[in-house]
Amino acid sequence: MARKVRLPLYGPAQAEGPLGPLPVRRKALGILYYLALEGPTRREKLADLLWGHGAASQNLRVELTHLRGFFGREAFRGRVLELPPGVELDQTPGANEVMEGLEDLSPEFTGWLQGVRARLAVPKEALPIPERLKEVRPPALVVLVGPPGSGRRALARSLAERLGLPFRDGLGSSSGVFYLSDPLPSKEEALRLRPTPGQVLVVARSAFGEDPSFLLALRTRFPAEITRVLQVPRLGWGEVRRAYLRNLPFERAARFYLESGGRPEILRELLALDDPEALPQRVRAMVALEARHLPEEARRALEVLSLHPGPFPPEMAEAMGVEAQVGELERRGWLLFVEGRYRWAEPQFRRYLSSGTAPGERLRLHRRLADFFRDVGDLVAEAYHRWASGQPLEPGRWSRSLVGWRRFMADPTFPRTGFPLPEVLMGLGSPLALDDLPEELELVSWDGEAVEVSLVLDGPAVVHLEGQVYQRLPLGMGVDTQAFPFRLFFGDKGVYFLPSEVKARYFWGAVFPQNPLDYLFFLLPGIYHLGLGTQGLAVLTLKAYRPASGTTRVLAPLGQLVEV
């Protein structure tokens, strides 16, 4: 007869029998929980996960013998291990952490555990209600405009909970929040509807394409004062970090966040696969379904343009033979034209579209893109596409043509010392208010677009810059000459924070390690810019003080020192 054993998912990890917890060792518990969550697993994989050294198989045999003392001699036999009958994982949600007490079994097991916690430890209300929806009262019409994966259904559920109304799919005659999505009813059905007491109609409208006839007809039946149209916002870093990613290291959490585009359903799919670079089948299908509403030529143009990972000039579309379709893609909401360049409205979809291009064709297209950027003089973008096409780069030829921080990153012969970094001894006086600039701020570049905030100093100040940065710099340079890493800029000089351990000053500015980001800078009066111009995330704390007498070493990379 199978022994009944319960493994509680939330709270302290333990194996509970009919008479209470069993005295199972911690690594043996790790085996039980892994098999419960991942299913049948080869012995070799478990051994590597829990030990990862030459004696791993022997250690695994010892733990399996220990477990057979509780589950019988025939348990845990064979090359593929599975849970014995009667062992059940109790997934009842609780306030405690997932699998408490198993955090340090091994580095590999800890990584797996963090991924499980990220997937499962999501609060009930992961989607906060936007301010414009808080004023909704029945009867009402709410139109939620967003791309696939933006959480429109979850937002409608949250609205129903807030109003204390039942959530229902489709149309009905009773009270409730009625959610309608593709396929929508006919225009004739919309013309038969009218505002009904106790009802809120929520229509999910795609961010791509035109208003469907059902929605157009429905809006003629509902007065403007009880109609709300909302562009579903991306989730902010703070709420995503608290709700989904609180157990992950910053860099890994940032990668998940950026690849999801701040869209909750895509984030859940990536977390379920424990890989921010994955291409989940469900998301693939959602993107493909949206793209099929485009004419075939426009869909093909979308795939071609997706091979350049960032904003691009109109001339690039012309060089690739798809300029005739760019207007259609912009009109339908796939592309935005900002400051002379096109960029993606939802850049997280680019990888899914480019993955549909056959490998040989992808290489040929990258070579054409490299030739285009060579002809327009963008050495950085040319190098990226040469590399992506499999063509070898000649470091001596192209890296020495670079200047500034790019030369520093790409040319191993470039001097690493530079000029001595100027320092001054001073103290931190009274705090200075930074007008219109919060003490804690976030810079998010989804598509490599430049994002900046201004730091205005009316007098000399000591600025404490602290935080964390994750940024993508392909080949150490970015994807084109307009890209730039996280920086503090003033006039024609900048302090560049890079994935390097070097601190050095040059005539064009200075370089500092991006990690750890914790610096005191002496800055003269003026307007400074904190910015990020490559795909990435910077989470910052910024404080300013009046200079005072003291003995603290303060860096002064952007201005002439003054006596205080």
Protein backbone atom coordinates (compact mmCIF):
# COMPACT_ATOMS: atom_id res chain seq x y z
CA MET A 1 0.00 0.00 0.00
CA ALA A 2 1.42 3.44 -1.00
CA ARG A 3 2.50 5.68 1.82
CA LYS A 4 0.66 9.03 1.85
CA VAL A 5 3.15 11.87 2.03
CA ARG A 6 2.41 15.58 1.56
CA LEU A 7 4.98 18.09 0.27
CA PRO A 8 3.77 21.63 1.10
CA LEU A 9 4.92 24.00 -1.64
CA TYR A 10 4.63 27.18 0.46
CA GLY A 11 6.42 27.48 3.77
CA PRO A 12 9.14 25.26 5.28
CA ALA A 13 10.06 22.38 2.99
CA GLN A 14 9.16 19.07 4.60
CA ALA A 15 7.67 15.65 3.89
CA GLU A 16 4.56 15.21 6.03
CA GLY A 17 3.28 11.71 6.75
CA PRO A 18 0.00 10.75 8.51
CA LEU A 19 1.65 11.22 11.92
CA GLY A 20 3.60 14.38 11.17
CA PRO A 21 6.84 15.45 9.42
CA LEU A 22 9.25 12.69 8.43
CA PRO A 23 12.96 13.07 9.38
CA VAL A 24 14.07 13.41 5.75
CA ARG A 25 17.47 14.99 5.13
CA ARG A 26 17.59 18.33 3.26
CA LYS A 27 19.16 17.07 0.02
CA ALA A 28 16.71 14.19 -0.03
CA LEU A 29 13.93 16.78 0.35
CA GLY A 30 15.42 18.63 -2.59
CA ILE A 31 15.13 15.44 -4.67
CA LEU A 32 11.47 15.01 -3.69
CA TYR A 33 10.52 18.59 -4.51
CA TYR A 34 12.40 18.59 -7.82
CA LEU A 35 10.67 15.40 -8.97
CA ALA A 36 7.30 16.77 -7.80
CA LEU A 37 7.69 19.95 -9.84
CA GLU A 38 9.67 18.78 -12.87
CA GLY A 39 8.49 15.19 -13.26
CA PRO A 40 10.61 12.10 -14.04
CA THR A 41 14.30 13.03 -14.24
CA ARG A 42 17.49 11.21 -15.20
CA ARG A 43 19.86 10.32 -12.38
CA GLU A 44 22.73 12.24 -13.98
CA LYS A 45 20.77 15.48 -14.07
CA LEU A 46 19.82 15.24 -10.39
CA ALA A 47 23.39 14.42 -9.41
CA ASP A 48 24.74 17.44 -11.29
CA LEU A 49 22.01 19.68 -9.88
CA LEU A 50 22.71 18.81 -6.25
CA TRP A 51 26.47 18.14 -6.24
CA GLY A 52 28.11 18.79 -9.59
CA HIS A 53 31.43 17.04 -8.91
CA GLY A 54 33.11 13.70 -9.52
CA ALA A 55 31.47 11.95 -6.56
CA ALA A 56 27.99 13.27 -7.42
CA SER A 57 26.59 9.89 -8.51
CA GLN A 58 27.79 8.23 -5.30
CA ASN A 59 26.28 11.02 -3.19
CA LEU A 60 22.99 10.63 -5.04
CA ARG A 61 22.94 6.88 -4.31
CA VAL A 62 23.40 7.61 -0.60
CA GLU A 63 20.42 10.00 -0.56
CA LEU A 64 18.23 7.57 -2.54
CA THR A 65 19.04 4.81 -0.03
CA HIS A 66 18.02 7.21 2.72
CA LEU A 67 14.67 7.87 0.96
CA ARG A 68 13.99 4.14 0.49
CA GLY A 69 13.95 3.88 4.28
CA PHE A 70 10.69 5.86 4.14
CA PHE A 71 9.17 4.79 0.82
CA GLY A 72 10.21 1.14 0.44
CA ARG A 73 13.01 -0.80 -1.23
CA GLU A 74 11.51 -0.57 -4.72
CA ALA A 75 11.30 3.24 -4.74
CA PHE A 76 13.72 5.41 -6.76
CA ARG A 77 15.05 2.62 -9.00
CA GLY A 78 16.20 2.83 -12.62
CA ARG A 79 18.01 5.42 -14.71
CA VAL A 80 15.01 7.78 -14.66
CA LEU A 81 13.76 8.69 -11.19
CA GLU A 82 10.18 9.58 -10.31
CA LEU A 83 8.10 10.08 -7.20
CA PRO A 84 6.67 6.92 -5.64
CA PRO A 85 2.86 6.55 -5.47
CA GLY A 86 1.21 8.47 -2.66
CA VAL A 87 3.58 11.45 -2.63
CA GLU A 88 1.68 14.63 -3.49
CA LEU A 89 2.70 18.25 -3.87
CA ASP A 90 0.33 20.53 -1.94
CA GLN A 91 0.13 23.78 -3.93
CA THR A 92 -2.30 25.54 -1.60
CA PRO A 93 -1.19 29.22 -1.69
CA GLY A 94 0.19 30.67 1.50
CA ALA A 95 1.86 33.81 2.83
CA ASN A 96 5.24 32.11 3.24
CA GLU A 97 8.04 31.68 0.70
CA VAL A 98 8.16 28.73 -1.71
CA MET A 99 10.22 25.79 -0.36
CA GLU A 100 11.73 27.61 2.59
CA GLY A 101 14.99 26.12 3.87
CA LEU A 102 16.30 24.69 0.58
CA GLU A 103 18.12 27.83 -0.57
CA ASP A 104 21.72 26.62 -0.19
CA LEU A 105 21.74 22.97 -1.26
CA SER A 106 24.02 23.82 -4.22
CA PRO A 107 24.51 26.79 -6.58
CA GLU A 108 22.68 24.99 -9.41
CA PHE A 109 19.78 23.98 -7.18
CA THR A 110 19.55 27.55 -5.86
CA GLY A 111 19.26 28.86 -9.43
CA TRP A 112 16.47 26.40 -10.15
CA LEU A 113 14.72 27.32 -6.88
CA GLN A 114 14.88 31.04 -7.69
CA GLY A 115 13.25 30.35 -11.05
CA VAL A 116 10.43 28.37 -9.41
CA ARG A 117 9.86 31.13 -6.88
CA ALA A 118 9.75 33.74 -9.62
CA ARG A 119 7.11 31.72 -11.47
CA LEU A 120 4.93 30.92 -8.49
CA ALA A 121 5.28 33.75 -6.02
CA VAL A 122 2.87 36.12 -7.78
CA PRO A 123 0.31 38.02 -5.69
CA LYS A 124 -3.37 37.73 -6.49
CA GLU A 125 -3.66 41.25 -7.92
CA ALA A 126 -0.66 41.47 -10.21
CA LEU A 127 -2.29 44.17 -12.38
CA PRO A 128 -3.02 47.43 -10.57
CA ILE A 129 -6.07 49.39 -11.70
CA PRO A 130 -5.05 52.47 -13.74
CA GLU A 131 -6.42 55.77 -12.42
CA ARG A 132 -8.78 56.24 -15.38
CA LEU A 133 -10.55 52.96 -14.56
CA LYS A 134 -11.02 53.76 -10.87
CA GLU A 135 -13.80 56.19 -11.77
CA VAL A 136 -15.77 53.65 -13.84
CA ARG A 137 -19.29 52.90 -12.56
CA PRO A 138 -22.00 50.86 -14.28
CA PRO A 139 -23.45 51.29 -16.78
CA ALA A 140 -20.28 51.87 -18.79
CA LEU A 141 -18.29 50.90 -21.87
CA VAL A 142 -14.56 50.32 -21.39
CA VAL A 143 -12.24 49.79 -24.36
CA LEU A 144 -8.86 48.29 -23.45
CA VAL A 145 -6.32 48.87 -26.23
CA GLY A 146 -3.20 46.77 -26.03
CA PRO A 147 -0.99 44.22 -27.80
CA PRO A 148 -1.14 40.47 -27.19
CA GLY A 149 0.06 39.63 -23.70
CA SER A 150 -0.75 43.04 -22.19
CA GLY A 151 -3.15 41.55 -19.64
CA ARG A 152 -6.44 43.02 -20.87
CA ARG A 153 -8.48 40.12 -19.52
CA ALA A 154 -6.73 40.25 -16.13
CA LEU A 155 -7.37 44.00 -16.02
CA ALA A 156 -11.07 43.43 -16.69
CA ARG A 157 -11.15 40.87 -13.85
CA SER A 158 -9.50 43.37 -11.51
CA LEU A 159 -12.13 45.93 -12.48
CA ALA A 160 -14.89 43.42 -11.70
CA GLU A 161 -13.38 42.75 -8.27
CA ARG A 162 -13.12 46.46 -7.55
CA LEU A 163 -16.77 47.02 -8.50
CA GLY A 164 -17.95 43.91 -6.64
CA LEU A 165 -19.52 42.53 -9.81
CA PRO A 166 -19.23 39.04 -11.34
CA PHE A 167 -16.84 38.67 -14.26
CA ARG A 168 -18.41 37.12 -17.35
CA ASP A 169 -17.22 36.23 -20.85
CA GLY A 170 -19.41 37.37 -23.73
CA LEU A 171 -22.73 39.18 -23.53
CA GLY A 172 -25.56 38.68 -21.07
CA SER A 173 -28.63 40.26 -19.50
CA SER A 174 -27.67 40.11 -15.79
CA SER A 175 -25.38 42.46 -13.90
CA GLY A 176 -21.62 42.05 -14.18
CA VAL A 177 -18.47 43.00 -16.05
CA PHE A 178 -18.80 41.43 -19.52
CA TYR A 179 -15.53 40.85 -21.34
CA LEU A 180 -15.50 40.68 -25.15
CA SER A 181 -12.46 39.79 -27.23
CA ASP A 182 -11.71 38.27 -30.63
CA PRO A 183 -13.78 37.00 -32.27
CA LEU A 184 -16.10 39.92 -31.49
CA PRO A 185 -19.85 39.76 -32.22
CA SER A 186 -21.28 41.31 -35.38
CA LYS A 187 -22.02 44.99 -35.98
CA GLU A 188 -25.72 44.14 -35.95
CA GLU A 189 -25.39 42.71 -32.44
CA ALA A 190 -23.72 45.94 -31.28
CA LEU A 191 -26.59 48.02 -32.63
CA ARG A 192 -29.03 46.07 -30.45
CA LEU A 193 -27.12 46.87 -27.25
CA ARG A 194 -27.63 49.85 -24.96
CA PRO A 195 -26.33 50.97 -21.55
CA THR A 196 -27.86 48.67 -18.92
CA PRO A 197 -27.87 49.36 -15.17
CA GLY A 198 -25.44 47.07 -13.33
CA GLN A 199 -23.46 46.24 -16.47
CA VAL A 200 -19.97 47.23 -17.65
CA LEU A 201 -18.97 46.11 -21.13
CA VAL A 202 -15.21 45.69 -21.56
CA VAL A 203 -14.01 45.32 -25.15
CA ALA A 204 -10.43 44.19 -25.85
CA ARG A 205 -9.11 46.04 -28.87
CA SER A 206 -5.76 45.20 -30.45
CA ALA A 207 -3.06 47.85 -30.47
CA PHE A 208 -2.51 46.91 -34.12
CA GLY A 209 -4.90 47.56 -36.98
CA GLU A 210 -8.19 49.45 -37.11
CA ASP A 211 -11.27 49.56 -34.90
CA PRO A 212 -13.49 46.54 -35.68
CA SER A 213 -17.01 47.25 -36.91
CA PHE A 214 -18.54 45.86 -33.69
CA LEU A 215 -16.67 48.44 -31.61
CA LEU A 216 -17.48 51.31 -33.96
CA ALA A 217 -21.17 50.45 -33.82
CA LEU A 218 -21.07 49.95 -30.04
CA ARG A 219 -19.61 53.40 -29.46
CA THR A 220 -22.61 54.94 -31.21
CA ARG A 221 -24.82 53.37 -28.53
CA PHE A 222 -22.87 54.54 -25.45
CA PRO A 223 -22.58 58.25 -24.57
CA ALA A 224 -19.07 59.67 -24.24
CA GLU A 225 -19.51 60.39 -20.52
CA ILE A 226 -19.81 56.67 -19.69
CA THR A 227 -17.17 55.49 -22.19
CA ARG A 228 -13.53 55.03 -21.29
CA VAL A 229 -10.78 54.17 -23.80
CA LEU A 230 -7.52 53.11 -22.17
CA GLN A 231 -4.17 52.25 -23.68
CA VAL A 232 -3.07 49.39 -21.43
CA PRO A 233 0.20 50.59 -19.87
CA ARG A 234 3.34 48.55 -19.49
CA LEU A 235 4.02 47.33 -16.01
CA GLY A 236 6.55 49.49 -14.20
CA TRP A 237 9.82 48.02 -13.00
CA GLY A 238 8.94 48.52 -9.34
CA GLU A 239 5.67 46.61 -9.48
CA VAL A 240 7.17 43.84 -11.63
CA ARG A 241 10.12 43.50 -9.26
CA ARG A 242 7.83 43.19 -6.24
CA ALA A 243 5.23 40.95 -7.85
CA TYR A 244 7.15 38.63 -10.16
CA LEU A 245 10.91 38.97 -9.83
CA ARG A 246 11.71 39.64 -6.20
CA ASN A 247 13.72 36.43 -5.81
CA LEU A 248 15.97 36.95 -8.83
CA PRO A 249 19.32 38.77 -8.98
CA PHE A 250 19.01 42.24 -10.51
CA GLU A 251 20.65 41.46 -13.87
CA ARG A 252 18.55 38.35 -14.49
CA ALA A 253 15.37 40.13 -13.38
CA ALA A 254 16.17 43.04 -15.71
CA ARG A 255 16.61 40.65 -18.64
CA PHE A 256 13.18 39.09 -17.99
CA TYR A 257 11.63 42.55 -17.69
CA LEU A 258 13.10 43.90 -20.92
CA GLU A 259 12.33 40.78 -22.98
CA SER A 260 8.72 40.86 -21.78
CA GLY A 261 8.27 44.49 -22.79
CA GLY A 262 6.60 45.03 -19.42
CA ARG A 263 3.68 42.88 -20.58
CA PRO A 264 2.49 40.50 -17.82
CA GLU A 265 1.37 37.52 -19.89
CA ILE A 266 4.64 37.45 -21.83
CA LEU A 267 6.59 37.73 -18.58
CA ARG A 268 4.73 34.73 -17.14
CA GLU A 269 5.49 32.66 -20.23
CA LEU A 270 9.21 33.48 -20.03
CA LEU A 271 9.32 32.74 -16.30
CA ALA A 272 7.58 29.41 -16.88
CA LEU A 273 10.47 28.45 -19.17
CA ASP A 274 13.04 29.96 -16.76
CA ASP A 275 14.77 31.65 -19.70
CA PRO A 276 14.48 35.35 -20.64
CA GLU A 277 15.76 34.55 -24.15
CA ALA A 278 13.17 31.83 -24.80
CA LEU A 279 10.54 32.09 -27.53
CA PRO A 280 7.42 30.60 -25.87
CA GLN A 281 5.09 28.90 -28.31
CA ARG A 282 2.04 30.73 -26.97
CA VAL A 283 3.64 34.13 -27.54
CA ARG A 284 4.83 33.03 -31.00
CA ALA A 285 1.24 32.13 -31.86
CA MET A 286 -0.12 35.45 -30.55
CA VAL A 287 2.37 37.48 -32.60
CA ALA A 288 1.81 35.38 -35.73
CA LEU A 289 -1.95 35.78 -35.40
CA GLU A 290 -1.66 39.57 -35.19
CA ALA A 291 0.76 39.70 -38.13
CA ARG A 292 -1.65 37.70 -40.30
CA HIS A 293 -4.02 40.66 -40.33
CA LEU A 294 -1.40 42.43 -42.47
CA PRO A 295 -1.11 42.07 -46.25
CA GLU A 296 1.53 39.52 -47.17
CA GLU A 297 3.98 42.17 -48.42
CA ALA A 298 3.70 44.14 -45.18
CA ARG A 299 4.15 40.99 -43.10
CA ARG A 300 7.29 40.16 -45.04
CA ALA A 301 8.57 43.71 -44.54
CA LEU A 302 8.02 43.33 -40.80
CA GLU A 303 10.22 40.22 -40.74
CA VAL A 304 12.98 41.94 -42.72
CA LEU A 305 12.99 45.06 -40.54
CA SER A 306 13.04 42.94 -37.38
CA LEU A 307 16.63 41.92 -38.11
CA HIS A 308 17.94 45.31 -37.01
CA PRO A 309 17.69 45.41 -33.18
CA GLY A 310 16.88 49.07 -32.64
CA PRO A 311 15.59 52.28 -34.24
CA PHE A 312 16.42 52.63 -37.92
CA PRO A 313 16.45 55.40 -40.57
CA PRO A 314 13.85 55.40 -43.37
CA GLU A 315 16.66 54.83 -45.86
CA MET A 316 17.25 51.38 -44.40
CA ALA A 317 13.77 50.29 -45.44
CA GLU A 318 14.42 51.65 -48.91
CA ALA A 319 17.72 49.78 -49.18
CA MET A 320 15.99 46.55 -48.18
CA GLY A 321 13.22 47.03 -50.73
CA VAL A 322 10.36 47.40 -48.23
CA GLU A 323 9.86 51.19 -48.21
CA ALA A 324 6.41 50.81 -49.81
CA GLN A 325 5.16 48.87 -46.77
CA VAL A 326 6.59 51.09 -43.99
CA GLY A 327 3.67 53.53 -44.17
CA GLU A 328 1.19 50.67 -43.78
CA LEU A 329 3.11 49.31 -40.78
CA GLU A 330 3.13 52.75 -39.17
CA ARG A 331 -0.59 53.27 -39.84
CA ARG A 332 -1.43 49.91 -38.28
CA GLY A 333 0.57 50.61 -35.15
CA TRP A 334 3.56 48.33 -35.58
CA LEU A 335 6.08 51.15 -36.11
CA LEU A 336 6.50 54.65 -34.67
CA PHE A 337 8.32 57.52 -36.39
CA VAL A 338 10.19 59.54 -33.76
CA GLU A 339 12.93 62.15 -34.31
CA GLY A 340 13.71 61.05 -37.85
CA ARG A 341 13.87 57.30 -37.21
CA TYR A 342 11.43 54.42 -37.05
CA ARG A 343 11.21 52.26 -33.97
CA TRP A 344 9.00 49.40 -32.87
CA ALA A 345 5.86 50.11 -30.87
CA GLU A 346 6.27 46.73 -29.13
CA PRO A 347 9.96 45.84 -29.49
CA GLN A 348 9.60 42.62 -27.47
CA PHE A 349 7.93 41.09 -30.56
CA ARG A 350 10.92 41.66 -32.83
CA ARG A 351 12.66 38.39 -31.84
CA TYR A 352 9.53 36.37 -32.60
CA LEU A 353 9.20 37.87 -36.07
CA SER A 354 12.88 37.53 -36.98
CA SER A 355 12.87 33.88 -35.87
CA GLY A 356 10.51 33.10 -38.77
CA THR A 357 13.19 33.93 -41.35
CA ALA A 358 15.06 30.92 -42.73
CA PRO A 359 18.71 30.77 -41.55
CA GLY A 360 20.24 31.20 -45.00
CA GLU A 361 17.96 34.08 -45.87
CA ARG A 362 18.70 35.70 -42.50
CA LEU A 363 22.45 35.69 -43.23
CA ARG A 364 21.89 37.22 -46.66
CA LEU A 365 19.69 39.97 -45.21
CA HIS A 366 22.25 40.77 -42.50
CA ARG A 367 24.90 41.16 -45.22
CA ARG A 368 22.65 43.55 -47.14
CA LEU A 369 22.09 45.52 -43.96
CA ALA A 370 25.84 45.63 -43.35
CA ASP A 371 26.39 46.99 -46.86
CA PHE A 372 23.74 49.66 -46.31
CA PHE A 373 25.25 50.89 -43.06
CA ARG A 374 28.73 50.85 -44.63
CA ASP A 375 27.45 53.10 -47.42
CA VAL A 376 25.93 55.59 -44.96
CA GLY A 377 29.06 55.62 -42.81
CA ASP A 378 27.73 53.87 -39.70
CA LEU A 379 30.70 51.69 -38.82
CA VAL A 380 29.09 50.38 -35.63
CA ALA A 381 25.90 49.13 -37.30
CA GLU A 382 27.97 47.69 -40.16
CA ALA A 383 30.11 45.74 -37.67
CA TYR A 384 27.02 44.40 -35.89
CA HIS A 385 25.46 43.08 -39.09
CA ARG A 386 28.77 41.66 -40.38
CA TRP A 387 29.04 39.77 -37.10
CA ALA A 388 25.38 38.64 -37.28
CA SER A 389 25.92 37.38 -40.84
CA GLY A 390 28.82 35.20 -39.74
CA GLN A 391 31.47 37.29 -41.46
CA PRO A 392 34.70 37.62 -39.43
CA LEU A 393 35.59 41.06 -38.14
CA GLU A 394 39.11 42.38 -38.39
CA PRO A 395 39.63 44.09 -35.02
CA GLY A 396 42.68 46.00 -36.13
CA ARG A 397 40.84 47.46 -39.12
CA TRP A 398 37.59 48.63 -37.63
CA SER A 399 38.22 49.07 -33.90
CA ARG A 400 40.94 51.67 -34.46
CA SER A 401 38.48 53.70 -36.52
CA LEU A 402 36.32 54.17 -33.43
CA VAL A 403 36.59 57.03 -30.97
CA GLY A 404 35.81 57.68 -27.31
CA TRP A 405 34.22 55.04 -25.14
CA ARG A 406 33.70 52.71 -28.13
CA ARG A 407 37.43 52.66 -28.85
CA PHE A 408 38.00 51.93 -25.17
CA MET A 409 35.60 48.94 -25.30
CA ALA A 410 36.51 47.50 -28.73
CA ASP A 411 40.26 48.01 -29.01
CA PRO A 412 42.28 45.87 -26.55
CA THR A 413 45.39 47.95 -27.36
CA PHE A 414 43.72 51.17 -26.21
CA PRO A 415 45.37 52.51 -23.00
CA ARG A 416 43.48 51.37 -19.90
CA THR A 417 44.96 53.89 -17.52
CA GLY A 418 44.24 57.25 -19.09
CA PHE A 419 44.91 60.35 -17.02
CA PRO A 420 44.67 60.30 -13.21
CA LEU A 421 41.15 60.81 -11.95
CA PRO A 422 40.97 64.17 -10.16
CA GLU A 423 39.77 63.98 -6.56
CA VAL A 424 39.15 66.51 -3.85
CA LEU A 425 38.78 66.13 -0.11
CA MET A 426 35.53 67.60 1.14
CA GLY A 427 32.50 66.88 3.27
CA LEU A 428 28.78 66.57 2.62
CA GLY A 429 26.92 69.65 3.74
CA SER A 430 23.18 70.23 3.87
CA PRO A 431 21.02 68.40 1.29
CA LEU A 432 20.08 70.19 -1.92
CA ALA A 433 16.66 69.84 -3.52
CA LEU A 434 16.73 68.62 -7.11
CA ASP A 435 13.80 70.36 -8.77
CA ASP A 436 11.47 68.11 -10.80
CA LEU A 437 13.76 65.14 -10.25
CA PRO A 438 12.76 62.36 -7.82
CA GLU A 439 15.37 60.96 -5.47
CA GLU A 440 14.70 57.48 -6.90
CA LEU A 441 14.29 57.14 -10.63
CA GLU A 442 14.32 54.56 -13.40
CA LEU A 443 15.60 54.80 -16.96
CA VAL A 444 14.18 52.14 -19.28
CA SER A 445 15.15 51.90 -22.94
CA TRP A 446 13.01 49.20 -24.54
CA ASP A 447 14.26 49.58 -28.10
CA GLY A 448 17.59 51.37 -27.75
CA GLU A 449 15.85 54.76 -27.86
CA ALA A 450 17.55 57.52 -25.88
CA VAL A 451 15.99 58.23 -22.47
CA GLU A 452 17.36 61.09 -20.39
CA VAL A 453 16.64 63.21 -17.34
CA SER A 454 18.16 66.60 -16.63
CA LEU A 455 20.06 67.43 -13.44
CA VAL A 456 20.07 71.21 -12.93
CA LEU A 457 22.58 72.58 -10.42
CA ASP A 458 22.45 76.28 -9.55
CA GLY A 459 25.67 76.03 -7.55
CA PRO A 460 28.50 73.57 -6.95
CA ALA A 461 27.33 70.30 -5.43
CA VAL A 462 28.43 66.87 -4.31
CA VAL A 463 26.16 64.35 -6.03
CA HIS A 464 25.80 60.80 -4.73
CA LEU A 465 24.84 58.48 -7.61
CA GLU A 466 23.93 54.97 -6.53
CA GLY A 467 21.98 52.12 -8.07
CA GLN A 468 22.08 49.21 -10.49
CA VAL A 469 22.47 49.09 -14.26
CA TYR A 470 21.86 46.42 -16.87
CA GLN A 471 22.53 47.37 -20.47
CA ARG A 472 23.07 45.57 -23.76
CA LEU A 473 26.04 46.68 -25.82
CA PRO A 474 26.50 44.25 -28.72
CA LEU A 475 30.22 43.86 -29.47
CA GLY A 476 30.74 46.32 -26.59
CA MET A 477 29.58 49.23 -28.80
CA GLY A 478 25.79 49.16 -29.20
CA VAL A 479 23.90 48.59 -32.43
CA ASP A 480 24.71 51.87 -34.22
CA THR A 481 26.57 55.17 -33.83
CA GLN A 482 23.62 56.79 -32.05
CA ALA A 483 23.63 54.23 -29.23
CA PHE A 484 25.31 55.10 -25.95
CA PRO A 485 25.69 53.41 -22.56
CA PHE A 486 24.45 54.78 -19.26
CA ARG A 487 26.18 58.12 -18.84
CA LEU A 488 26.36 61.43 -17.01
CA PHE A 489 26.85 64.09 -19.68
CA PHE A 490 27.82 67.76 -19.55
CA GLY A 491 28.71 69.88 -22.56
CA ASP A 492 30.88 67.77 -24.85
CA LYS A 493 32.16 65.39 -22.15
CA GLY A 494 30.62 62.48 -20.37
CA VAL A 495 31.16 59.93 -17.65
CA TYR A 496 30.38 56.53 -19.17
CA PHE A 497 29.46 53.59 -16.95
CA LEU A 498 30.57 50.40 -18.67
CA PRO A 499 30.84 46.63 -18.05
CA SER A 500 34.51 47.05 -17.22
CA GLU A 501 36.59 47.18 -14.05
CA VAL A 502 38.60 50.19 -15.24
CA LYS A 503 38.35 53.73 -13.88
CA ALA A 504 40.10 56.20 -16.17
CA ARG A 505 39.88 59.77 -17.49
CA TYR A 506 40.49 60.84 -21.10
CA PHE A 507 40.18 64.08 -23.01
CA TRP A 508 36.63 63.11 -24.08
CA GLY A 509 35.44 62.17 -20.59
CA ALA A 510 35.85 59.27 -18.20
CA VAL A 511 34.89 55.62 -17.82
CA PHE A 512 33.73 53.95 -14.62
CA PRO A 513 32.56 50.42 -13.81
CA GLN A 514 28.77 50.12 -13.96
CA ASN A 515 28.88 47.63 -11.10
CA PRO A 516 28.89 48.52 -8.29
CA LEU A 517 27.28 51.87 -9.10
CA ASP A 518 28.07 53.96 -6.02
CA TYR A 519 29.95 57.21 -6.65
CA LEU A 520 30.38 60.68 -5.13
CA PHE A 521 30.94 63.34 -7.82
CA PHE A 522 31.82 66.99 -7.39
CA LEU A 523 29.90 68.93 -10.05
CA LEU A 524 30.07 72.59 -10.99
CA PRO A 525 26.89 74.61 -11.68
CA GLY A 526 25.19 73.71 -14.94
CA ILE A 527 22.73 71.40 -16.66
CA TYR A 528 23.77 67.75 -16.67
CA HIS A 529 22.04 64.83 -18.36
CA LEU A 530 21.70 61.30 -17.04
CA GLY A 531 20.85 59.08 -19.96
CA LEU A 532 20.70 55.62 -21.48
CA GLY A 533 20.78 55.04 -25.24
CA THR A 534 20.91 51.28 -25.58
CA GLN A 535 18.43 48.61 -24.55
CA GLY A 536 18.69 48.48 -20.80
CA LEU A 537 17.49 49.44 -17.35
CA ALA A 538 19.03 51.80 -14.80
CA VAL A 539 17.52 51.97 -11.30
CA LEU A 540 19.03 54.95 -9.53
CA THR A 541 19.11 56.88 -6.28
CA LEU A 542 20.29 60.46 -6.65
CA LYS A 543 21.14 62.83 -3.78
CA ALA A 544 22.88 66.21 -3.82
CA TYR A 545 24.66 68.10 -1.03
CA ARG A 546 26.32 71.45 -0.59
CA PRO A 547 30.10 71.08 -0.48
CA ALA A 548 31.62 71.46 2.96
CA SER A 549 34.99 71.04 4.61
CA GLY A 550 35.86 67.43 5.21
CA THR A 551 38.09 64.49 4.41
CA THR A 552 35.88 62.42 2.08
CA ARG A 553 37.44 61.67 -1.31
CA VAL A 554 35.12 63.00 -4.01
CA LEU A 555 35.67 62.45 -7.75
CA ALA A 556 35.63 65.46 -10.08
CA PRO A 557 35.72 64.09 -13.65
CA LEU A 558 33.65 66.80 -15.39
CA GLY A 559 34.79 70.11 -14.03
CA GLN A 560 37.66 72.12 -12.69
CA LEU A 561 38.02 71.83 -8.95
CA VAL A 562 37.29 74.84 -6.83
CA GLU A 563 38.43 75.53 -3.32
CA VAL A 564 35.71 75.14 -0.70
